[in-house]
Protein backbone atom coordinates (compact mmCIF):
# COMPACT_ATOMS: atom_id res chain seq x y z
CA MET A 1 0.00 0.00 0.00
CA ALA A 2 2.81 2.40 0.79
CA THR A 3 4.28 1.99 -2.68
CA GLU A 4 0.91 2.82 -4.25
CA ALA A 5 0.73 6.12 -2.37
CA LYS A 6 4.19 7.08 -3.58
CA ALA A 7 3.42 6.02 -7.13
CA ASN A 8 0.37 8.30 -7.25
CA LYS A 9 2.44 11.47 -6.67
CA PRO A 10 3.84 12.81 -9.93
CA LYS A 11 7.59 13.44 -10.03
CA LYS A 12 7.13 16.87 -11.60
CA GLU A 13 5.33 18.10 -8.50
CA LYS A 14 8.27 17.08 -6.32
CA LYS A 15 10.74 18.77 -8.64
CA LYS A 16 8.65 21.93 -8.76
CA GLY A 17 8.53 22.08 -4.97
CA ARG A 18 12.30 21.68 -4.76
CA PHE A 19 12.84 24.41 -7.33
CA VAL A 20 10.55 26.83 -5.52
CA GLN A 21 12.35 26.11 -2.24
CA TYR A 22 15.71 26.66 -3.96
CA VAL A 23 14.60 30.03 -5.35
CA ARG A 24 13.32 31.13 -1.94
CA GLU A 25 16.60 30.17 -0.27
CA VAL A 26 18.67 31.96 -2.91
CA THR A 27 16.51 35.07 -2.55
CA SER A 28 16.95 35.09 1.22
CA GLU A 29 20.73 34.67 0.89
CA VAL A 30 21.01 37.50 -1.65
CA LYS A 31 19.21 39.81 0.78
CA LYS A 32 21.96 39.14 3.35
CA LEU A 33 24.72 40.35 1.01
CA SER A 34 26.34 43.72 1.49
CA TRP A 35 26.72 45.41 -1.87
CA PRO A 36 29.56 47.90 -2.52
CA THR A 37 28.81 51.60 -2.81
CA LYS A 38 29.37 53.41 -6.10
CA LYS A 39 32.61 54.86 -4.76
CA GLU A 40 33.90 51.44 -3.68
CA LEU A 41 32.85 49.90 -6.98
CA ALA A 42 34.71 52.59 -8.94
CA SER A 43 37.79 52.08 -6.77
CA TYR A 44 37.74 48.29 -7.24
CA THR A 45 37.20 48.66 -10.97
CA LEU A 46 40.16 51.02 -11.32
CA ALA A 47 42.35 48.66 -9.30
CA VAL A 48 41.45 45.75 -11.58
CA LEU A 49 42.05 47.78 -14.73
CA ALA A 50 45.42 48.99 -13.41
CA PHE A 51 46.44 45.40 -12.62
CA ILE A 52 45.39 44.24 -16.09
CA LEU A 53 47.40 47.05 -17.69
CA LEU A 54 50.45 46.22 -15.57
CA MET A 55 50.26 42.54 -16.49
CA ALA A 56 49.85 43.39 -20.18
CA VAL A 57 53.00 45.53 -20.05
CA ILE A 58 54.95 42.78 -18.26
CA ILE A 59 53.82 40.13 -20.77
CA TYR A 60 54.63 42.43 -23.70
CA ALA A 61 58.11 43.12 -22.30
CA CYS A 62 58.81 39.40 -21.77
CA ASP A 63 57.56 38.60 -25.26
CA PHE A 64 59.73 41.32 -26.78
CA VAL A 65 62.85 40.22 -24.88
CA PHE A 66 62.38 36.54 -25.70
CA GLY A 67 61.59 37.40 -29.34
CA GLN A 68 64.80 39.40 -29.64
CA GLY A 69 66.72 36.58 -27.99
CA MET A 70 65.32 34.04 -30.44
CA THR A 71 66.20 36.35 -33.34
CA LEU A 72 69.78 36.57 -32.08
CA LEU A 73 69.98 32.79 -31.61
CA ALA A 74 68.57 32.18 -35.10
CA GLY A 75 71.26 34.45 -36.57
CA LEU A 76 74.09 32.32 -35.18
């Protein structure tokens, strides 16, 4: 008899209930977040852009140096 009761419940209903619970939990967690102010966001963005620029310069310099070295080695 117990298996008949379980068989009567559609699986989609269970999945829908789980999804709704998931969305509610996510919503409650997002409300707990502390979002940065516009000033903080601008500061963080500038820091990231400066780091990217610095890394691009370092990679370019390494590429240039190794390229010149390979050119000199190829000329031997």
